[in-house]
Amino acid sequence: MIDFAQCVSANEPLPLNTTYPPVHLNRPDVGYLRGLSSLIFYFKLMFEQFCGVEYRSFDEATAVMTDLHSKGKLDTGCRWLDEFENDTLPSPYSFNFVPDYEVDHEYYDVSE
């Protein structure tokens, strides 16, 4: 999810209740870009977990999905997803990964 609730615009004064004002006033919103980068990371991870193939490009992913569809592998339900609210079912997937932003990465210097 991308949360715009705390967005500020360079052309408007900061609200009086601003607790963490922007520190990079003349640069793009690095926190927003980091959020987008994290979403891409997780979408690629989900593709790999669900399809069993590492995401490399849009064209390759489309070919994988077309192949899976032609084999009928996308036509079956997933009990774990269908009964997601039942948290006693073990997940067949592992999403315990977190994007790693090194100290010298352009998205490192943002609030968490």
N, C-alpha and C. Protein backbone atom coordinates (compact mmCIF):
# COMPACT_ATOMS: atom_id res chain seq x y z
N MET A 1 0.84 -1.17 0.00
CA MET A 1 0.00 0.00 0.00
C MET A 1 0.89 1.24 0.00
N ILE A 2 0.41 2.23 -0.66
CA ILE A 2 1.09 3.52 -0.63
C ILE A 2 0.18 4.46 0.15
N ASP A 3 0.74 5.08 1.18
CA ASP A 3 -0.04 5.93 2.06
C ASP A 3 0.27 7.39 1.74
N PHE A 4 -0.73 8.11 1.23
CA PHE A 4 -0.54 9.51 0.89
C PHE A 4 -0.98 10.44 2.01
N ALA A 5 -1.36 9.90 3.14
CA ALA A 5 -1.91 10.72 4.23
C ALA A 5 -0.92 11.76 4.73
N GLN A 6 0.35 11.48 4.66
CA GLN A 6 1.34 12.42 5.18
C GLN A 6 2.11 13.15 4.08
N CYS A 7 1.57 13.13 2.87
CA CYS A 7 2.26 13.79 1.75
C CYS A 7 2.29 15.30 1.95
N VAL A 8 3.36 15.89 1.52
CA VAL A 8 3.47 17.34 1.52
C VAL A 8 3.93 17.78 0.15
N SER A 9 3.55 18.96 -0.22
CA SER A 9 3.93 19.52 -1.51
C SER A 9 4.95 20.62 -1.29
N ALA A 10 5.91 20.70 -2.17
CA ALA A 10 6.97 21.71 -2.04
C ALA A 10 6.41 23.12 -2.12
N ASN A 11 5.27 23.30 -2.75
CA ASN A 11 4.70 24.64 -2.95
C ASN A 11 3.75 25.07 -1.84
N GLU A 12 3.56 24.22 -0.84
CA GLU A 12 2.64 24.54 0.24
C GLU A 12 3.37 24.54 1.58
N PRO A 13 2.94 25.35 2.53
CA PRO A 13 3.58 25.33 3.86
C PRO A 13 3.29 24.01 4.57
N LEU A 14 4.21 23.62 5.44
CA LEU A 14 4.02 22.39 6.21
C LEU A 14 2.93 22.58 7.24
N PRO A 15 2.12 21.55 7.47
CA PRO A 15 1.09 21.64 8.52
C PRO A 15 1.75 21.86 9.89
N LEU A 16 1.05 22.48 10.80
CA LEU A 16 1.59 22.77 12.12
C LEU A 16 1.93 21.51 12.90
N ASN A 17 1.25 20.41 12.63
CA ASN A 17 1.49 19.17 13.37
C ASN A 17 2.53 18.26 12.70
N THR A 18 3.32 18.80 11.79
CA THR A 18 4.34 18.00 11.11
C THR A 18 5.41 17.58 12.11
N THR A 19 5.59 16.27 12.27
CA THR A 19 6.57 15.77 13.22
C THR A 19 7.92 15.50 12.56
N TYR A 20 7.92 15.11 11.31
CA TYR A 20 9.16 14.83 10.58
C TYR A 20 9.13 15.57 9.25
N PRO A 21 9.56 16.80 9.25
CA PRO A 21 9.53 17.57 7.99
C PRO A 21 10.53 16.99 6.98
N PRO A 22 10.28 17.19 5.71
CA PRO A 22 11.20 16.69 4.69
C PRO A 22 12.61 17.27 4.88
N VAL A 23 13.60 16.44 4.65
CA VAL A 23 14.99 16.91 4.79
C VAL A 23 15.66 17.09 3.42
N HIS A 24 15.04 16.58 2.38
CA HIS A 24 15.58 16.69 1.03
C HIS A 24 14.60 17.52 0.19
N LEU A 25 14.53 18.80 0.48
CA LEU A 25 13.50 19.64 -0.10
C LEU A 25 13.57 19.76 -1.62
N ASN A 26 14.72 19.70 -2.22
CA ASN A 26 14.84 19.90 -3.66
C ASN A 26 15.05 18.59 -4.41
N ARG A 27 14.65 17.49 -3.78
CA ARG A 27 14.78 16.17 -4.42
C ARG A 27 13.41 15.49 -4.47
N PRO A 28 13.28 14.48 -5.30
CA PRO A 28 12.02 13.72 -5.31
C PRO A 28 11.77 13.08 -3.95
N ASP A 29 10.54 12.72 -3.69
CA ASP A 29 10.17 12.07 -2.43
C ASP A 29 10.74 10.66 -2.42
N VAL A 30 11.89 10.49 -1.77
CA VAL A 30 12.61 9.23 -1.77
C VAL A 30 11.82 8.15 -1.01
N GLY A 31 11.07 8.53 -0.01
CA GLY A 31 10.25 7.57 0.71
C GLY A 31 9.19 6.95 -0.20
N TYR A 32 8.57 7.79 -1.03
CA TYR A 32 7.59 7.30 -1.99
C TYR A 32 8.25 6.35 -2.98
N LEU A 33 9.41 6.74 -3.49
CA LEU A 33 10.13 5.89 -4.45
C LEU A 33 10.57 4.58 -3.80
N ARG A 34 10.98 4.65 -2.54
CA ARG A 34 11.35 3.43 -1.83
C ARG A 34 10.13 2.52 -1.67
N GLY A 35 8.99 3.11 -1.38
CA GLY A 35 7.76 2.33 -1.27
C GLY A 35 7.43 1.62 -2.58
N LEU A 36 7.57 2.34 -3.69
CA LEU A 36 7.32 1.71 -4.99
C LEU A 36 8.32 0.59 -5.25
N SER A 37 9.58 0.82 -4.90
CA SER A 37 10.61 -0.20 -5.07
C SER A 37 10.28 -1.44 -4.23
N SER A 38 9.79 -1.23 -3.02
CA SER A 38 9.41 -2.35 -2.16
C SER A 38 8.22 -3.12 -2.75
N LEU A 39 7.24 -2.40 -3.30
CA LEU A 39 6.10 -3.07 -3.93
C LEU A 39 6.56 -3.95 -5.10
N ILE A 40 7.45 -3.42 -5.91
CA ILE A 40 8.00 -4.20 -7.04
C ILE A 40 8.70 -5.44 -6.51
N PHE A 41 9.49 -5.29 -5.45
CA PHE A 41 10.18 -6.43 -4.83
C PHE A 41 9.18 -7.51 -4.44
N TYR A 42 8.10 -7.11 -3.75
CA TYR A 42 7.13 -8.09 -3.28
C TYR A 42 6.31 -8.69 -4.42
N PHE A 43 5.98 -7.92 -5.44
CA PHE A 43 5.27 -8.49 -6.59
C PHE A 43 6.13 -9.54 -7.29
N LYS A 44 7.42 -9.27 -7.43
CA LYS A 44 8.32 -10.26 -8.03
C LYS A 44 8.43 -11.50 -7.15
N LEU A 45 8.48 -11.32 -5.85
CA LEU A 45 8.54 -12.43 -4.91
C LEU A 45 7.28 -13.29 -5.00
N MET A 46 6.11 -12.64 -5.07
CA MET A 46 4.86 -13.38 -5.19
C MET A 46 4.82 -14.16 -6.50
N PHE A 47 5.27 -13.55 -7.59
CA PHE A 47 5.30 -14.25 -8.86
C PHE A 47 6.15 -15.50 -8.75
N GLU A 48 7.33 -15.37 -8.14
CA GLU A 48 8.22 -16.53 -7.98
C GLU A 48 7.59 -17.60 -7.11
N GLN A 49 6.95 -17.20 -6.01
CA GLN A 49 6.33 -18.17 -5.10
C GLN A 49 5.15 -18.88 -5.78
N PHE A 50 4.32 -18.14 -6.49
CA PHE A 50 3.14 -18.72 -7.11
C PHE A 50 3.46 -19.52 -8.38
N CYS A 51 4.44 -19.06 -9.15
CA CYS A 51 4.72 -19.69 -10.45
C CYS A 51 5.92 -20.63 -10.42
N GLY A 52 6.77 -20.51 -9.41
CA GLY A 52 7.95 -21.36 -9.32
C GLY A 52 9.07 -20.95 -10.25
N VAL A 53 8.98 -19.73 -10.78
CA VAL A 53 9.97 -19.22 -11.72
C VAL A 53 10.37 -17.81 -11.30
N GLU A 54 11.65 -17.52 -11.35
CA GLU A 54 12.11 -16.17 -11.00
C GLU A 54 11.62 -15.16 -12.03
N TYR A 55 11.11 -14.02 -11.55
CA TYR A 55 10.67 -12.96 -12.46
C TYR A 55 11.90 -12.29 -13.07
N ARG A 56 11.93 -12.25 -14.40
CA ARG A 56 13.05 -11.59 -15.10
C ARG A 56 12.59 -10.41 -15.93
N SER A 57 11.45 -10.57 -16.59
CA SER A 57 10.93 -9.48 -17.42
C SER A 57 9.44 -9.68 -17.62
N PHE A 58 8.78 -8.64 -18.07
CA PHE A 58 7.35 -8.71 -18.33
C PHE A 58 7.05 -9.75 -19.40
N ASP A 59 7.84 -9.76 -20.47
CA ASP A 59 7.60 -10.70 -21.57
C ASP A 59 7.77 -12.15 -21.11
N GLU A 60 8.81 -12.43 -20.32
CA GLU A 60 9.00 -13.79 -19.82
C GLU A 60 7.88 -14.18 -18.86
N ALA A 61 7.45 -13.24 -18.03
CA ALA A 61 6.36 -13.53 -17.09
C ALA A 61 5.07 -13.82 -17.85
N THR A 62 4.82 -13.08 -18.91
CA THR A 62 3.63 -13.32 -19.72
C THR A 62 3.70 -14.70 -20.35
N ALA A 63 4.87 -15.09 -20.84
CA ALA A 63 5.03 -16.43 -21.42
C ALA A 63 4.80 -17.52 -20.39
N VAL A 64 5.31 -17.32 -19.18
CA VAL A 64 5.11 -18.30 -18.10
C VAL A 64 3.62 -18.43 -17.78
N MET A 65 2.94 -17.28 -17.64
CA MET A 65 1.52 -17.31 -17.32
C MET A 65 0.71 -17.95 -18.44
N THR A 66 1.06 -17.67 -19.69
CA THR A 66 0.38 -18.29 -20.83
C THR A 66 0.57 -19.80 -20.80
N ASP A 67 1.79 -20.23 -20.51
CA ASP A 67 2.08 -21.67 -20.44
C ASP A 67 1.31 -22.32 -19.31
N LEU A 68 1.32 -21.71 -18.13
CA LEU A 68 0.57 -22.26 -17.00
C LEU A 68 -0.93 -22.33 -17.30
N HIS A 69 -1.43 -21.29 -17.95
CA HIS A 69 -2.85 -21.27 -18.31
C HIS A 69 -3.18 -22.38 -19.30
N SER A 70 -2.33 -22.58 -20.29
CA SER A 70 -2.58 -23.61 -21.30
C SER A 70 -2.56 -25.01 -20.68
N LYS A 71 -1.84 -25.19 -19.58
CA LYS A 71 -1.78 -26.48 -18.89
C LYS A 71 -2.88 -26.62 -17.83
N GLY A 72 -3.73 -25.58 -17.71
CA GLY A 72 -4.83 -25.63 -16.75
C GLY A 72 -4.41 -25.39 -15.32
N LYS A 73 -3.18 -24.93 -15.12
CA LYS A 73 -2.70 -24.75 -13.74
C LYS A 73 -3.19 -23.47 -13.09
N LEU A 74 -3.79 -22.59 -13.86
CA LEU A 74 -4.35 -21.36 -13.29
C LEU A 74 -5.85 -21.47 -13.07
N ASP A 75 -6.41 -22.64 -13.43
CA ASP A 75 -7.85 -22.82 -13.34
C ASP A 75 -8.30 -23.45 -12.02
N THR A 76 -7.35 -23.80 -11.18
CA THR A 76 -7.71 -24.42 -9.91
C THR A 76 -7.61 -23.41 -8.79
N GLY A 77 -8.41 -23.61 -7.77
CA GLY A 77 -8.38 -22.73 -6.62
C GLY A 77 -7.18 -23.01 -5.72
N CYS A 78 -6.97 -22.14 -4.81
CA CYS A 78 -5.91 -22.31 -3.82
C CYS A 78 -6.58 -22.28 -2.45
N ARG A 79 -6.64 -23.43 -1.80
CA ARG A 79 -7.35 -23.53 -0.52
C ARG A 79 -6.83 -22.49 0.48
N TRP A 80 -5.53 -22.30 0.52
CA TRP A 80 -4.95 -21.36 1.48
C TRP A 80 -5.46 -19.95 1.23
N LEU A 81 -5.55 -19.53 -0.03
CA LEU A 81 -6.06 -18.20 -0.34
C LEU A 81 -7.58 -18.13 -0.15
N ASP A 82 -8.27 -19.20 -0.56
CA ASP A 82 -9.72 -19.21 -0.43
C ASP A 82 -10.17 -19.14 1.02
N GLU A 83 -9.38 -19.69 1.93
CA GLU A 83 -9.72 -19.70 3.35
C GLU A 83 -8.71 -18.89 4.16
N PHE A 84 -8.29 -17.76 3.60
CA PHE A 84 -7.24 -16.95 4.22
C PHE A 84 -7.57 -16.53 5.64
N GLU A 85 -8.86 -16.27 5.92
CA GLU A 85 -9.25 -15.83 7.26
C GLU A 85 -9.04 -16.93 8.30
N ASN A 86 -8.91 -18.17 7.86
CA ASN A 86 -8.65 -19.29 8.76
C ASN A 86 -7.13 -19.38 8.96
N ASP A 87 -6.64 -18.68 9.96
CA ASP A 87 -5.18 -18.58 10.14
C ASP A 87 -4.54 -19.86 10.69
N THR A 88 -5.30 -20.93 10.77
CA THR A 88 -4.70 -22.19 11.22
C THR A 88 -4.14 -23.00 10.05
N LEU A 89 -4.52 -22.63 8.83
CA LEU A 89 -3.99 -23.34 7.66
C LEU A 89 -2.54 -22.90 7.42
N PRO A 90 -1.65 -23.86 7.26
CA PRO A 90 -0.26 -23.47 6.97
C PRO A 90 -0.13 -22.91 5.55
N SER A 91 0.65 -21.88 5.41
CA SER A 91 0.86 -21.28 4.09
C SER A 91 1.88 -22.10 3.31
N PRO A 92 1.55 -22.40 2.06
CA PRO A 92 2.54 -23.10 1.24
C PRO A 92 3.60 -22.14 0.68
N TYR A 93 3.45 -20.87 1.01
CA TYR A 93 4.35 -19.85 0.47
C TYR A 93 5.20 -19.25 1.59
N SER A 94 6.33 -18.70 1.21
CA SER A 94 7.21 -18.06 2.19
C SER A 94 7.46 -16.62 1.76
N PHE A 95 6.84 -15.69 2.49
CA PHE A 95 7.02 -14.27 2.19
C PHE A 95 7.76 -13.57 3.32
N ASN A 96 8.68 -14.25 3.94
CA ASN A 96 9.43 -13.69 5.06
C ASN A 96 10.67 -12.94 4.61
N PHE A 97 10.62 -12.36 3.44
CA PHE A 97 11.76 -11.62 2.91
C PHE A 97 11.47 -10.13 2.99
N VAL A 98 12.51 -9.36 3.19
CA VAL A 98 12.40 -7.91 3.28
C VAL A 98 13.42 -7.31 2.32
N PRO A 99 13.03 -6.30 1.55
CA PRO A 99 14.01 -5.66 0.68
C PRO A 99 15.18 -5.13 1.50
N ASP A 100 16.37 -5.30 1.00
CA ASP A 100 17.57 -4.85 1.72
C ASP A 100 18.09 -3.58 1.06
N TYR A 101 18.01 -2.48 1.78
CA TYR A 101 18.52 -1.22 1.27
C TYR A 101 19.82 -0.90 2.00
N GLU A 102 20.92 -1.04 1.31
CA GLU A 102 22.24 -0.79 1.89
C GLU A 102 22.37 0.70 2.21
N VAL A 103 23.31 1.01 3.08
CA VAL A 103 23.53 2.39 3.52
C VAL A 103 23.78 3.31 2.34
N ASP A 104 24.45 2.83 1.31
CA ASP A 104 24.76 3.69 0.17
C ASP A 104 23.68 3.65 -0.91
N HIS A 105 22.56 2.96 -0.66
CA HIS A 105 21.47 2.90 -1.63
C HIS A 105 20.71 4.22 -1.62
N GLU A 106 20.23 4.64 -2.77
CA GLU A 106 19.56 5.93 -2.88
C GLU A 106 18.28 6.03 -2.06
N TYR A 107 17.68 4.88 -1.69
CA TYR A 107 16.44 4.91 -0.90
C TYR A 107 16.69 4.64 0.58
N TYR A 108 17.93 4.60 1.01
CA TYR A 108 18.23 4.27 2.41
C TYR A 108 17.85 5.40 3.36
N ASP A 109 18.12 6.62 2.98
CA ASP A 109 17.98 7.77 3.87
C ASP A 109 16.53 8.30 3.91
N VAL A 110 15.61 7.42 4.34
CA VAL A 110 14.22 7.83 4.49
C VAL A 110 13.72 7.31 5.83
N SER A 111 12.64 7.89 6.31
CA SER A 111 12.09 7.41 7.57
C SER A 111 11.43 6.06 7.35
N GLU A 112 11.36 5.28 8.39
CA GLU A 112 10.76 3.93 8.30
C GLU A 112 9.28 4.00 8.51
